[in-house]
Amino acid sequence: MLSNIRVLEVAYFYPGPFCTQILAEHGAEVIKIEPPTGDPMRYDRTLFSAFNRNKKSIVLNLKDEGDLKKFYELVKKSDVIVEGFRPGVAKRLGIDYDTVRKYNKGIIYCSISGFGQDSELLDIPVHDINVLSFSGICRISGIKDNVPRDPNVQISDFSSAVFAVISILMALIKRMKTGEGEYIDVSMMDSAAASIPLHSASYMNGSSDRMDFKSNPGYEIYKTRDGHISLGIMDEPHFWRNLCRVLEIEEYADISYAERLERYDEIRSRISEIIMKFKTSEISDILRRNNIPFGVVNHFTDAVELLKKRGILAKTENGIFVGFPAKYKYYTPKRDGKVPDLGGDEV
C-alpha cells in the first residue's frame, strides 16, 4: 500500500516509533535514525521489538556537521519525517520543518510532543502518566486512598501515534492532489482528550455525571465462584430485561435507566449475590445463550488464543507481538519482520 513511501523516524520510546511501525506494516520504507548510543528503548529488546519491526536503522550524530549533511541528503529522497522531541529541540539540531523544507518542499513533517508546539506547557518534559495527569484522565480512572489512579494503559502515547498516522495519510493524499507538503503538530494531550469523547463531551457541556459508568449496575465487573465476568448494559431495555429474567430478579426488569443508577447499591448487591453462585463458564454460557452483553475477565495470556485465531500476531526472533489489527480482503500487512540492529543498514 505504501511501498513507494520513504519515512525518516527521529523519535524514541513509544509514540513516534509506534506511528512509523504502522506505516512500515503497510509497506513504507522506514529509516530509524538513531544517535550513536541508540534509541533508549534498546535496553529492553522485547519492548523495542514491539515498536520497531520492519524498519532500517542508521546511526547519525545530528550534532555533527557531517552527519547533519547526510540527514539533509536523506530528506531530499524522502516523503515523511516523524520526530518526537520536545518543542524547540529539532530547531536547535537544525532538523525542524522550516529547515528541512528547504531541501524538499514536498516533505510531510510530523511532530509528536506532549502538549503541542504552541502550548504554554511546551517546556515540560513528560511521559504518558504526566500527560494523563494534566488531561484529567487520572481522575476519571478513579480514586484509591484519596489518590487519583494511573490507568496503567498508555492512552496518550498510542492515541497520539494513531492520530499521527491518520494525519500523515491525509497529508499524503493532499500532496497527490496539490503537490504540496505539510507540517503536522500532534499533541499527546490533545490525542488523549480526543480518545475519550464520551467523557470530554459530557464534562465540557455540564453533564459530568452522565459518563459515570461506575454507578450503573448493568455495566460492572462481578465476582464468580472461580473468577470474574463483566456486564455491559447501558440504556438498553431489551438487554436489561433479559438479564433480570435469567437472574430471576424480574422486579427490576421494567425500571428506567435513571432508577437503576439511583438504586445502584441495592441492585448491584442482588446481582452480585446471584452471580457468585456460578462458575465463570456456567454464567458465561447462560448470558451468551440469552443474548446479554458480557465478558470474561481474562489474563492477557488467555486472550492470546483469540488474537492468534484472528491472524494478527507478529512473530520475530525476539518474540511474539500484536501486529496491525485490521484485516483487509486484498492486502496483508507486514506484521512479521526483522527488528533492526543499531546502525545495521545502509541507505
C-alpha atoms as a PDB file:
ATOM      1  CA  MET A   1       0.000   0.000   0.000  1.00  0.00           C
ATOM      2  CA  LEU A   2       2.800   2.436   0.882  1.00  0.00           C
ATOM      3  CA  SER A   3       5.628   0.708  -0.974  1.00  0.00           C
ATOM      4  CA  ASN A   4       6.886   3.911  -2.628  1.00  0.00           C
ATOM      5  CA  ILE A   5       6.896   5.987   0.549  1.00  0.00           C
ATOM      6  CA  ARG A   6      10.104   6.625   2.499  1.00  0.00           C
ATOM      7  CA  VAL A   7       9.796   7.706   6.139  1.00  0.00           C
ATOM      8  CA  LEU A   8      12.553   9.117   8.342  1.00  0.00           C
ATOM      9  CA  GLU A   9      11.981   8.494  12.040  1.00  0.00           C
ATOM     10  CA  VAL A  10      13.789  10.673  14.569  1.00  0.00           C
ATOM     11  CA  ALA A  11      11.895   9.626  17.688  1.00  0.00           C
ATOM     12  CA  TYR A  12      12.407   7.419  20.710  1.00  0.00           C
ATOM     13  CA  PHE A  13      10.306   5.396  23.164  1.00  0.00           C
ATOM     14  CA  TYR A  14       6.650   4.921  22.154  1.00  0.00           C
ATOM     15  CA  PRO A  15       4.583   7.448  20.110  1.00  0.00           C
ATOM     16  CA  GLY A  16       6.872   8.112  17.146  1.00  0.00           C
ATOM     17  CA  PRO A  17       8.144   4.530  16.737  1.00  0.00           C
ATOM     18  CA  PHE A  18       4.613   3.096  17.039  1.00  0.00           C
ATOM     19  CA  CYS A  19       3.383   5.553  14.396  1.00  0.00           C
ATOM     20  CA  THR A  20       6.118   4.629  11.926  1.00  0.00           C
ATOM     21  CA  GLN A  21       5.737   0.912  12.600  1.00  0.00           C
ATOM     22  CA  ILE A  22       2.126   1.102  11.405  1.00  0.00           C
ATOM     23  CA  LEU A  23       3.394   2.782   8.225  1.00  0.00           C
ATOM     24  CA  ALA A  24       6.059   0.063   7.873  1.00  0.00           C
ATOM     25  CA  GLU A  25       3.457  -2.670   8.271  1.00  0.00           C
ATOM     26  CA  HIS A  26       1.747  -1.162   5.230  1.00  0.00           C
ATOM     27  CA  GLY A  27       4.862  -1.234   3.093  1.00  0.00           C
ATOM     28  CA  ALA A  28       6.580   2.096   3.752  1.00  0.00           C
ATOM     29  CA  GLU A  29      10.367   2.121   3.928  1.00  0.00           C
ATOM     30  CA  VAL A  30      11.043   3.389   7.455  1.00  0.00           C
ATOM     31  CA  ILE A  31      14.576   4.529   8.282  1.00  0.00           C
ATOM     32  CA  LYS A  32      15.132   4.848  12.007  1.00  0.00           C
ATOM     33  CA  ILE A  33      17.772   7.499  12.652  1.00  0.00           C
ATOM     34  CA  GLU A  34      19.495   6.824  15.957  1.00  0.00           C
ATOM     35  CA  PRO A  35      22.277   8.507  17.920  1.00  0.00           C
ATOM     36  CA  PRO A  36      25.494   6.530  18.469  1.00  0.00           C
ATOM     37  CA  THR A  37      24.070   5.285  21.787  1.00  0.00           C
ATOM     38  CA  GLY A  38      20.861   4.090  20.106  1.00  0.00           C
ATOM     39  CA  ASP A  39      17.192   4.526  20.969  1.00  0.00           C
ATOM     40  CA  PRO A  40      16.980   4.336  24.800  1.00  0.00           C
ATOM     41  CA  MET A  41      14.331   1.619  24.354  1.00  0.00           C
ATOM     42  CA  ARG A  42      17.025  -0.765  23.113  1.00  0.00           C
ATOM     43  CA  TYR A  43      17.782  -1.669  26.732  1.00  0.00           C
ATOM     44  CA  ASP A  44      14.698  -3.924  26.577  1.00  0.00           C
ATOM     45  CA  ARG A  45      14.853  -5.981  23.386  1.00  0.00           C
ATOM     46  CA  THR A  46      11.279  -7.218  23.803  1.00  0.00           C
ATOM     47  CA  LEU A  47       9.707  -3.786  24.180  1.00  0.00           C
ATOM     48  CA  PHE A  48      11.920  -2.378  21.442  1.00  0.00           C
ATOM     49  CA  SER A  49      10.673  -5.116  19.122  1.00  0.00           C
ATOM     50  CA  ALA A  50       7.078  -4.173  19.874  1.00  0.00           C
ATOM     51  CA  PHE A  51       7.547  -0.820  18.094  1.00  0.00           C
ATOM     52  CA  ASN A  52      10.380  -1.272  15.626  1.00  0.00           C
ATOM     53  CA  ARG A  53       9.660  -4.160  13.281  1.00  0.00           C
ATOM     54  CA  ASN A  54      10.204  -3.852   9.533  1.00  0.00           C
ATOM     55  CA  LYS A  55      12.494  -0.839   9.876  1.00  0.00           C
ATOM     56  CA  LYS A  56      16.040   0.032   8.870  1.00  0.00           C
ATOM     57  CA  SER A  57      18.459   1.649  11.321  1.00  0.00           C
ATOM     58  CA  ILE A  58      21.260   4.084  10.638  1.00  0.00           C
ATOM     59  CA  VAL A  59      23.386   5.993  13.116  1.00  0.00           C
ATOM     60  CA  LEU A  60      23.732   9.754  12.746  1.00  0.00           C
ATOM     61  CA  ASN A  61      25.041  12.202  15.314  1.00  0.00           C
ATOM     62  CA  LEU A  62      22.865  15.160  14.397  1.00  0.00           C
ATOM     63  CA  LYS A  63      25.158  17.478  16.368  1.00  0.00           C
ATOM     64  CA  ASP A  64      27.956  16.619  13.932  1.00  0.00           C
ATOM     65  CA  GLU A  65      28.071  18.783  10.816  1.00  0.00           C
ATOM     66  CA  GLY A  66      28.986  15.896   8.540  1.00  0.00           C
ATOM     67  CA  ASP A  67      26.174  13.685   9.803  1.00  0.00           C
ATOM     68  CA  LEU A  68      23.726  16.564   9.573  1.00  0.00           C
ATOM     69  CA  LYS A  69      24.592  16.912   5.867  1.00  0.00           C
ATOM     70  CA  LYS A  70      23.884  13.180   5.445  1.00  0.00           C
ATOM     71  CA  PHE A  71      20.499  13.750   7.062  1.00  0.00           C
ATOM     72  CA  TYR A  72      19.707  16.545   4.595  1.00  0.00           C
ATOM     73  CA  GLU A  73      20.638  14.237   1.706  1.00  0.00           C
ATOM     74  CA  LEU A  74      18.155  11.679   3.041  1.00  0.00           C
ATOM     75  CA  VAL A  75      15.491  14.385   3.329  1.00  0.00           C
ATOM     76  CA  LYS A  76      15.821  15.104  -0.411  1.00  0.00           C
ATOM     77  CA  LYS A  77      14.833  11.491  -1.169  1.00  0.00           C
ATOM     78  CA  SER A  78      12.126  11.051   1.498  1.00  0.00           C
ATOM     79  CA  ASP A  79       8.412  11.640   1.790  1.00  0.00           C
ATOM     80  CA  VAL A  80       7.745  11.827   5.532  1.00  0.00           C
ATOM     81  CA  ILE A  81       9.624  12.793   8.695  1.00  0.00           C
ATOM     82  CA  VAL A  82       8.342  11.857  12.153  1.00  0.00           C
ATOM     83  CA  GLU A  83      10.083  13.481  15.106  1.00  0.00           C
ATOM     84  CA  GLY A  84       9.323  13.189  18.792  1.00  0.00           C
ATOM     85  CA  PHE A  85      11.460  15.807  20.505  1.00  0.00           C
ATOM     86  CA  ARG A  86      10.313  18.423  22.987  1.00  0.00           C
ATOM     87  CA  PRO A  87       9.365  21.630  21.099  1.00  0.00           C
ATOM     88  CA  GLY A  88      12.481  23.614  20.212  1.00  0.00           C
ATOM     89  CA  VAL A  89      14.934  20.701  20.153  1.00  0.00           C
ATOM     90  CA  ALA A  90      14.506  19.932  16.435  1.00  0.00           C
ATOM     91  CA  LYS A  91      15.197  23.577  15.603  1.00  0.00           C
ATOM     92  CA  ARG A  92      18.353  23.595  17.744  1.00  0.00           C
ATOM     93  CA  LEU A  93      19.538  20.479  15.914  1.00  0.00           C
ATOM     94  CA  GLY A  94      18.761  22.025  12.531  1.00  0.00           C
ATOM     95  CA  ILE A  95      16.173  19.401  11.558  1.00  0.00           C
ATOM     96  CA  ASP A  96      12.978  21.434  12.072  1.00  0.00           C
ATOM     97  CA  TYR A  97      10.333  21.756   9.366  1.00  0.00           C
ATOM     98  CA  ASP A  98      11.365  25.204   8.121  1.00  0.00           C
ATOM     99  CA  THR A  99      14.937  23.992   7.674  1.00  0.00           C
ATOM    100  CA  VAL A 100      14.268  20.622   6.010  1.00  0.00           C
ATOM    101  CA  ARG A 101      11.648  22.156   3.705  1.00  0.00           C
ATOM    102  CA  LYS A 102      14.486  23.999   2.001  1.00  0.00           C
ATOM    103  CA  TYR A 103      15.746  20.598   0.843  1.00  0.00           C
ATOM    104  CA  ASN A 104      12.355  19.086  -0.016  1.00  0.00           C
ATOM    105  CA  LYS A 105       9.300  21.303  -0.416  1.00  0.00           C
ATOM    106  CA  GLY A 106       7.024  18.277  -0.648  1.00  0.00           C
ATOM    107  CA  ILE A 107       8.082  16.796   2.676  1.00  0.00           C
ATOM    108  CA  ILE A 108       5.370  15.825   5.161  1.00  0.00           C
ATOM    109  CA  TYR A 109       6.747  16.563   8.603  1.00  0.00           C
ATOM    110  CA  CYS A 110       5.009  15.300  11.742  1.00  0.00           C
ATOM    111  CA  SER A 111       5.978  16.410  15.248  1.00  0.00           C
ATOM    112  CA  ILE A 112       4.620  14.446  18.220  1.00  0.00           C
ATOM    113  CA  SER A 113       5.045  16.129  21.602  1.00  0.00           C
ATOM    114  CA  GLY A 114       3.403  16.237  24.995  1.00  0.00           C
ATOM    115  CA  PHE A 115       1.312  19.379  24.549  1.00  0.00           C
ATOM    116  CA  GLY A 116       1.877  20.619  21.012  1.00  0.00           C
ATOM    117  CA  GLN A 117       4.215  23.230  19.554  1.00  0.00           C
ATOM    118  CA  ASP A 118       2.334  26.289  20.836  1.00  0.00           C
ATOM    119  CA  SER A 119       1.209  25.232  24.325  1.00  0.00           C
ATOM    120  CA  GLU A 120       2.066  27.156  27.465  1.00  0.00           C
ATOM    121  CA  LEU A 121       3.252  23.788  28.840  1.00  0.00           C
ATOM    122  CA  LEU A 122       5.603  23.002  25.956  1.00  0.00           C
ATOM    123  CA  ASP A 123       8.761  23.307  28.080  1.00  0.00           C
ATOM    124  CA  ILE A 124       7.786  20.473  30.443  1.00  0.00           C
ATOM    125  CA  PRO A 125       9.365  17.050  29.747  1.00  0.00           C
ATOM    126  CA  VAL A 126       6.617  14.432  30.012  1.00  0.00           C
ATOM    127  CA  HIS A 127       5.699  10.796  29.575  1.00  0.00           C
ATOM    128  CA  ASP A 128       2.244   9.261  29.364  1.00  0.00           C
ATOM    129  CA  ILE A 129       1.420   9.379  33.107  1.00  0.00           C
ATOM    130  CA  ASN A 130       2.221  13.111  33.191  1.00  0.00           C
ATOM    131  CA  VAL A 131       0.014  13.860  30.188  1.00  0.00           C
ATOM    132  CA  LEU A 132      -2.845  11.804  31.657  1.00  0.00           C
ATOM    133  CA  SER A 133      -2.455  13.777  34.889  1.00  0.00           C
ATOM    134  CA  PHE A 134      -2.706  17.141  33.132  1.00  0.00           C
ATOM    135  CA  SER A 135      -5.608  15.911  30.989  1.00  0.00           C
ATOM    136  CA  GLY A 136      -7.768  14.800  33.949  1.00  0.00           C
ATOM    137  CA  ILE A 137      -7.807  11.172  32.845  1.00  0.00           C
ATOM    138  CA  CYS A 138      -6.128  10.002  36.062  1.00  0.00           C
ATOM    139  CA  ARG A 139      -9.135  11.335  37.987  1.00  0.00           C
ATOM    140  CA  ILE A 140     -11.601   9.765  35.572  1.00  0.00           C
ATOM    141  CA  SER A 141      -9.821   6.454  36.192  1.00  0.00           C
ATOM    142  CA  GLY A 142     -10.908   6.534  39.826  1.00  0.00           C
ATOM    143  CA  ILE A 143      -9.610   7.460  43.256  1.00  0.00           C
ATOM    144  CA  LYS A 144      -7.915   4.987  45.600  1.00  0.00           C
ATOM    145  CA  ASP A 145      -6.864   6.044  49.110  1.00  0.00           C
ATOM    146  CA  ASN A 146      -7.590   9.674  48.119  1.00  0.00           C
ATOM    147  CA  VAL A 147      -5.049   9.437  45.268  1.00  0.00           C
ATOM    148  CA  PRO A 148      -6.055   9.562  41.562  1.00  0.00           C
ATOM    149  CA  ARG A 149      -5.137   6.420  39.613  1.00  0.00           C
ATOM    150  CA  ASP A 150      -2.759   5.940  36.731  1.00  0.00           C
ATOM    151  CA  PRO A 151      -4.917   3.776  34.425  1.00  0.00           C
ATOM    152  CA  ASN A 152      -1.768   1.784  33.522  1.00  0.00           C
ATOM    153  CA  VAL A 153      -2.760   1.977  29.861  1.00  0.00           C
ATOM    154  CA  GLN A 154      -0.662   4.388  27.814  1.00  0.00           C
ATOM    155  CA  ILE A 155      -3.575   6.293  26.287  1.00  0.00           C
ATOM    156  CA  SER A 156      -1.707   9.417  25.202  1.00  0.00           C
ATOM    157  CA  ASP A 157       1.318   7.547  23.840  1.00  0.00           C
ATOM    158  CA  PHE A 158      -0.598   5.307  21.496  1.00  0.00           C
ATOM    159  CA  SER A 159      -3.540   7.530  20.616  1.00  0.00           C
ATOM    160  CA  SER A 160      -1.101  10.246  19.514  1.00  0.00           C
ATOM    161  CA  ALA A 161       0.699   7.659  17.364  1.00  0.00           C
ATOM    162  CA  VAL A 162      -2.545   6.592  15.696  1.00  0.00           C
ATOM    163  CA  PHE A 163      -3.670  10.202  15.116  1.00  0.00           C
ATOM    164  CA  ALA A 164      -0.226  10.898  13.634  1.00  0.00           C
ATOM    165  CA  VAL A 165      -0.673   8.012  11.181  1.00  0.00           C
ATOM    166  CA  ILE A 166      -4.112   9.301  10.162  1.00  0.00           C
ATOM    167  CA  SER A 167      -2.752  12.823   9.695  1.00  0.00           C
ATOM    168  CA  ILE A 168       0.227  11.629   7.638  1.00  0.00           C
ATOM    169  CA  LEU A 169      -2.013   9.613   5.326  1.00  0.00           C
ATOM    170  CA  MET A 170      -4.334  12.614   4.899  1.00  0.00           C
ATOM    171  CA  ALA A 171      -1.327  14.780   4.047  1.00  0.00           C
ATOM    172  CA  LEU A 172      -0.070  12.212   1.527  1.00  0.00           C
ATOM    173  CA  ILE A 173      -3.465  12.283  -0.200  1.00  0.00           C
ATOM    174  CA  LYS A 174      -3.390  16.083  -0.206  1.00  0.00           C
ATOM    175  CA  ARG A 175       0.095  16.044  -1.725  1.00  0.00           C
ATOM    176  CA  MET A 176      -1.097  13.728  -4.508  1.00  0.00           C
ATOM    177  CA  LYS A 177      -3.683  16.374  -5.402  1.00  0.00           C
ATOM    178  CA  THR A 178      -1.685  19.590  -4.901  1.00  0.00           C
ATOM    179  CA  GLY A 179       1.994  18.636  -4.829  1.00  0.00           C
ATOM    180  CA  GLU A 180       2.333  20.488  -1.526  1.00  0.00           C
ATOM    181  CA  GLY A 181       3.963  19.169   1.627  1.00  0.00           C
ATOM    182  CA  GLU A 182       2.542  19.666   5.113  1.00  0.00           C
ATOM    183  CA  TYR A 183       3.532  20.278   8.707  1.00  0.00           C
ATOM    184  CA  ILE A 184       1.596  18.256  11.322  1.00  0.00           C
ATOM    185  CA  ASP A 185       1.588  19.130  15.025  1.00  0.00           C
ATOM    186  CA  VAL A 186       0.317  16.197  17.127  1.00  0.00           C
ATOM    187  CA  SER A 187      -0.156  16.678  20.871  1.00  0.00           C
ATOM    188  CA  MET A 188      -0.298  13.696  23.215  1.00  0.00           C
ATOM    189  CA  MET A 189      -2.693  15.604  25.479  1.00  0.00           C
ATOM    190  CA  ASP A 190      -4.997  16.569  22.605  1.00  0.00           C
ATOM    191  CA  SER A 191      -4.952  12.976  21.393  1.00  0.00           C
ATOM    192  CA  ALA A 192      -5.809  11.585  24.824  1.00  0.00           C
ATOM    193  CA  ALA A 193      -8.730  14.007  25.169  1.00  0.00           C
ATOM    194  CA  ALA A 194      -9.961  13.128  21.675  1.00  0.00           C
ATOM    195  CA  SER A 195      -9.842   9.437  22.627  1.00  0.00           C
ATOM    196  CA  ILE A 196     -12.411   9.832  25.408  1.00  0.00           C
ATOM    197  CA  PRO A 197     -15.202  11.683  23.542  1.00  0.00           C
ATOM    198  CA  LEU A 198     -17.967  10.422  25.837  1.00  0.00           C
ATOM    199  CA  HIS A 199     -16.295  11.879  28.908  1.00  0.00           C
ATOM    200  CA  SER A 200     -14.950  15.043  27.289  1.00  0.00           C
ATOM    201  CA  ALA A 201     -18.286  15.938  25.700  1.00  0.00           C
ATOM    202  CA  SER A 202     -20.091  15.389  28.992  1.00  0.00           C
ATOM    203  CA  TYR A 203     -17.644  17.350  31.136  1.00  0.00           C
ATOM    204  CA  MET A 204     -17.415  20.274  28.727  1.00  0.00           C
ATOM    205  CA  ASN A 205     -21.183  20.536  28.476  1.00  0.00           C
ATOM    206  CA  GLY A 206     -22.090  20.346  32.146  1.00  0.00           C
ATOM    207  CA  SER A 207     -23.118  16.691  32.417  1.00  0.00           C
ATOM    208  CA  SER A 208     -20.107  15.031  34.008  1.00  0.00           C
ATOM    209  CA  ASP A 209     -22.252  12.536  35.909  1.00  0.00           C
ATOM    210  CA  ARG A 210     -23.648  11.143  32.650  1.00  0.00           C
ATOM    211  CA  MET A 211     -20.465   9.182  31.981  1.00  0.00           C
ATOM    212  CA  ASP A 212     -20.075   7.727  35.467  1.00  0.00           C
ATOM    213  CA  PHE A 213     -20.380   4.105  34.358  1.00  0.00           C
ATOM    214  CA  LYS A 214     -19.325   3.028  37.841  1.00  0.00           C
ATOM    215  CA  SER A 215     -22.828   3.813  39.159  1.00  0.00           C
ATOM    216  CA  ASN A 216     -24.596   1.550  36.654  1.00  0.00           C
ATOM    217  CA  PRO A 217     -25.189  -1.988  37.982  1.00  0.00           C
ATOM    218  CA  GLY A 218     -25.566  -3.238  34.422  1.00  0.00           C
ATOM    219  CA  TYR A 219     -22.086  -2.010  33.487  1.00  0.00           C
ATOM    220  CA  GLU A 220     -19.935  -3.653  36.124  1.00  0.00           C
ATOM    221  CA  ILE A 221     -17.467  -6.394  36.944  1.00  0.00           C
ATOM    222  CA  TYR A 222     -18.806  -9.188  39.132  1.00  0.00           C
ATOM    223  CA  LYS A 223     -17.090 -11.996  41.013  1.00  0.00           C
ATOM    224  CA  THR A 224     -17.972 -15.601  40.156  1.00  0.00           C
ATOM    225  CA  ARG A 225     -17.085 -18.726  42.096  1.00  0.00           C
ATOM    226  CA  ASP A 226     -13.765 -19.030  40.266  1.00  0.00           C
ATOM    227  CA  GLY A 227     -13.122 -15.679  38.577  1.00  0.00           C
ATOM    228  CA  HIS A 228     -14.866 -12.573  37.279  1.00  0.00           C
ATOM    229  CA  ILE A 229     -17.196 -11.532  34.469  1.00  0.00           C
ATOM    230  CA  SER A 230     -18.273  -8.127  33.215  1.00  0.00           C
ATOM    231  CA  LEU A 231     -21.738  -6.961  32.208  1.00  0.00           C
ATOM    232  CA  GLY A 232     -22.092  -4.289  29.517  1.00  0.00           C
ATOM    233  CA  ILE A 233     -25.649  -2.984  29.535  1.00  0.00           C
ATOM    234  CA  MET A 234     -26.274   0.715  29.009  1.00  0.00           C
ATOM    235  CA  ASP A 235     -29.720   2.277  28.466  1.00  0.00           C
ATOM    236  CA  GLU A 236     -30.840  -0.831  26.577  1.00  0.00           C
ATOM    237  CA  PRO A 237     -34.144  -2.144  27.994  1.00  0.00           C
ATOM    238  CA  HIS A 238     -34.139  -5.376  25.958  1.00  0.00           C
ATOM    239  CA  PHE A 239     -30.753  -6.447  27.334  1.00  0.00           C
ATOM    240  CA  TRP A 240     -31.697  -5.376  30.857  1.00  0.00           C
ATOM    241  CA  ARG A 241     -34.955  -7.333  30.789  1.00  0.00           C
ATOM    242  CA  ASN A 242     -33.096 -10.413  29.555  1.00  0.00           C
ATOM    243  CA  LEU A 243     -30.667 -10.121  32.455  1.00  0.00           C
ATOM    244  CA  CYS A 244     -33.407  -9.684  35.033  1.00  0.00           C
ATOM    245  CA  ARG A 245     -35.260 -12.681  33.647  1.00  0.00           C
ATOM    246  CA  VAL A 246     -32.315 -15.101  33.693  1.00  0.00           C
ATOM    247  CA  LEU A 247     -31.179 -13.946  37.151  1.00  0.00           C
ATOM    248  CA  GLU A 248     -34.779 -14.117  38.402  1.00  0.00           C
ATOM    249  CA  ILE A 249     -34.876 -10.504  39.597  1.00  0.00           C
ATOM    250  CA  GLU A 250     -37.806  -9.512  37.449  1.00  0.00           C
ATOM    251  CA  GLU A 251     -38.957  -6.878  39.927  1.00  0.00           C
ATOM    252  CA  TYR A 252     -36.210  -4.684  38.374  1.00  0.00           C
ATOM    253  CA  ALA A 253     -36.979  -5.561  34.748  1.00  0.00           C
ATOM    254  CA  ASP A 254     -39.075  -2.513  33.870  1.00  0.00           C
ATOM    255  CA  ILE A 255     -37.437   0.210  35.934  1.00  0.00           C
ATOM    256  CA  SER A 256     -35.868   3.094  33.995  1.00  0.00           C
ATOM    257  CA  TYR A 257     -32.161   3.543  33.396  1.00  0.00           C
ATOM    258  CA  ALA A 258     -32.202   6.553  35.736  1.00  0.00           C
ATOM    259  CA  GLU A 259     -33.741   4.468  38.507  1.00  0.00           C
ATOM    260  CA  ARG A 260     -31.097   1.788  38.014  1.00  0.00           C
ATOM    261  CA  LEU A 261     -28.449   4.413  38.663  1.00  0.00           C
ATOM    262  CA  GLU A 262     -30.286   5.725  41.730  1.00  0.00           C
ATOM    263  CA  ARG A 263     -30.658   2.234  43.201  1.00  0.00           C
ATOM    264  CA  TYR A 264     -27.148   1.154  42.252  1.00  0.00           C
ATOM    265  CA  ASP A 265     -26.032  -0.270  45.588  1.00  0.00           C
ATOM    266  CA  GLU A 266     -29.213  -2.276  46.084  1.00  0.00           C
ATOM    267  CA  ILE A 267     -29.311  -3.738  42.559  1.00  0.00           C
ATOM    268  CA  ARG A 268     -25.593  -4.401  42.369  1.00  0.00           C
ATOM    269  CA  SER A 269     -25.762  -6.295  45.637  1.00  0.00           C
ATOM    270  CA  ARG A 270     -28.564  -8.524  44.312  1.00  0.00           C
ATOM    271  CA  ILE A 271     -26.787  -9.242  41.023  1.00  0.00           C
ATOM    272  CA  SER A 272     -23.517  -9.921  42.821  1.00  0.00           C
ATOM    273  CA  GLU A 273     -25.150 -12.345  45.244  1.00  0.00           C
ATOM    274  CA  ILE A 274     -26.590 -14.381  42.352  1.00  0.00           C
ATOM    275  CA  ILE A 275     -23.581 -14.378  40.025  1.00  0.00           C
ATOM    276  CA  MET A 276     -21.267 -15.545  42.818  1.00  0.00           C
ATOM    277  CA  LYS A 277     -23.175 -18.843  42.904  1.00  0.00           C
ATOM    278  CA  PHE A 278     -21.945 -19.743  39.399  1.00  0.00           C
ATOM    279  CA  LYS A 279     -18.615 -20.730  37.933  1.00  0.00           C
ATOM    280  CA  THR A 280     -17.389 -18.370  35.216  1.00  0.00           C
ATOM    281  CA  SER A 281     -18.072 -20.935  32.486  1.00  0.00           C
ATOM    282  CA  GLU A 282     -21.600 -21.541  33.760  1.00  0.00           C
ATOM    283  CA  ILE A 283     -22.702 -17.910  33.965  1.00  0.00           C
ATOM    284  CA  SER A 284     -20.963 -17.159  30.638  1.00  0.00           C
ATOM    285  CA  ASP A 285     -22.974 -19.879  28.944  1.00  0.00           C
ATOM    286  CA  ILE A 286     -26.218 -18.536  30.420  1.00  0.00           C
ATOM    287  CA  LEU A 287     -25.506 -14.947  29.401  1.00  0.00           C
ATOM    288  CA  ARG A 288     -24.425 -15.927  25.899  1.00  0.00           C
ATOM    289  CA  ARG A 289     -27.473 -18.092  25.262  1.00  0.00           C
ATOM    290  CA  ASN A 290     -29.754 -15.264  26.380  1.00  0.00           C
ATOM    291  CA  ASN A 291     -28.169 -12.512  24.249  1.00  0.00           C
ATOM    292  CA  ILE A 292     -26.778 -10.445  27.123  1.00  0.00           C
ATOM    293  CA  PRO A 293     -23.588  -8.339  26.667  1.00  0.00           C
ATOM    294  CA  PHE A 294     -20.873  -9.822  28.871  1.00  0.00           C
ATOM    295  CA  GLY A 295     -17.164 -10.537  29.015  1.00  0.00           C
ATOM    296  CA  VAL A 296     -14.923 -12.977  30.820  1.00  0.00           C
ATOM    297  CA  VAL A 297     -12.226 -11.085  32.746  1.00  0.00           C
ATOM    298  CA  ASN A 298      -9.178 -12.813  31.269  1.00  0.00           C
ATOM    299  CA  HIS A 299      -5.498 -12.514  31.864  1.00  0.00           C
ATOM    300  CA  PHE A 300      -3.856 -11.235  28.697  1.00  0.00           C
ATOM    301  CA  THR A 301      -2.281 -14.652  28.191  1.00  0.00           C
ATOM    302  CA  ASP A 302      -5.810 -16.081  27.941  1.00  0.00           C
ATOM    303  CA  ALA A 303      -6.689 -13.541  25.241  1.00  0.00           C
ATOM    304  CA  VAL A 304      -3.727 -14.526  23.063  1.00  0.00           C
ATOM    305  CA  GLU A 305      -5.544 -17.571  21.679  1.00  0.00           C
ATOM    306  CA  LEU A 306      -8.346 -15.343  20.361  1.00  0.00           C
ATOM    307  CA  LEU A 307      -5.817 -13.000  18.740  1.00  0.00           C
ATOM    308  CA  LYS A 308      -3.935 -15.947  17.247  1.00  0.00           C
ATOM    309  CA  LYS A 309      -7.093 -17.237  15.593  1.00  0.00           C
ATOM    310  CA  ARG A 310      -7.663 -13.790  14.067  1.00  0.00           C
ATOM    311  CA  GLY A 311      -4.198 -13.984  12.490  1.00  0.00           C
ATOM    312  CA  ILE A 312      -2.915 -10.617  13.712  1.00  0.00           C
ATOM    313  CA  LEU A 313       0.085 -11.743  15.767  1.00  0.00           C
ATOM    314  CA  ALA A 314       3.594 -10.826  14.636  1.00  0.00           C
ATOM    315  CA  LYS A 315       6.494 -13.239  15.071  1.00  0.00           C
ATOM    316  CA  THR A 316      10.103 -12.121  15.278  1.00  0.00           C
ATOM    317  CA  GLU A 317      13.369 -13.502  16.578  1.00  0.00           C
ATOM    318  CA  ASN A 318      12.626 -11.602  19.798  1.00  0.00           C
ATOM    319  CA  GLY A 319       9.161 -12.946  20.496  1.00  0.00           C
ATOM    320  CA  ILE A 320       5.511 -12.681  19.554  1.00  0.00           C
ATOM    321  CA  PHE A 321       3.719  -9.319  19.327  1.00  0.00           C
ATOM    322  CA  VAL A 322       0.331  -7.916  18.402  1.00  0.00           C
ATOM    323  CA  GLY A 323       0.528  -6.582  14.864  1.00  0.00           C
ATOM    324  CA  PHE A 324      -1.718  -4.199  12.952  1.00  0.00           C
ATOM    325  CA  PRO A 325      -5.247  -5.242  13.959  1.00  0.00           C
ATOM    326  CA  ALA A 326      -7.317  -4.581  10.821  1.00  0.00           C
ATOM    327  CA  LYS A 327      -7.705  -7.322   8.222  1.00  0.00           C
ATOM    328  CA  TYR A 328      -8.028  -6.481   4.525  1.00  0.00           C
ATOM    329  CA  LYS A 329      -9.535  -8.646   1.826  1.00  0.00           C
ATOM    330  CA  TYR A 330      -6.844  -7.874  -0.764  1.00  0.00           C
ATOM    331  CA  TYR A 331      -3.811  -6.878   1.328  1.00  0.00           C
ATOM    332  CA  THR A 332      -1.870  -8.436   4.186  1.00  0.00           C
ATOM    333  CA  PRO A 333       0.066  -6.055   6.453  1.00  0.00           C
ATOM    334  CA  LYS A 334       3.716  -6.939   7.091  1.00  0.00           C
ATOM    335  CA  ARG A 335       3.202  -7.838  10.736  1.00  0.00           C
ATOM    336  CA  ASP A 336       6.212 -10.140  10.987  1.00  0.00           C
ATOM    337  CA  GLY A 337       9.556  -8.628  10.277  1.00  0.00           C
ATOM    338  CA  LYS A 338      13.138  -8.068  11.279  1.00  0.00           C
ATOM    339  CA  VAL A 339      13.989  -5.749  14.152  1.00  0.00           C
ATOM    340  CA  PRO A 340      16.959  -3.641  13.048  1.00  0.00           C
ATOM    341  CA  ASP A 341      20.351  -3.783  14.712  1.00  0.00           C
ATOM    342  CA  LEU A 342      21.749  -0.401  15.697  1.00  0.00           C
ATOM    343  CA  GLY A 343      23.216   1.133  12.533  1.00  0.00           C
ATOM    344  CA  GLY A 344      22.766  -2.164  10.730  1.00  0.00           C
ATOM    345  CA  ASP A 345      21.590  -0.753   7.402  1.00  0.00           C
ATOM    346  CA  GLU A 346      22.947   1.301   4.535  1.00  0.00           C
ATOM    347  CA  VAL A 347      20.646   3.675   2.655  1.00  0.00           C
END
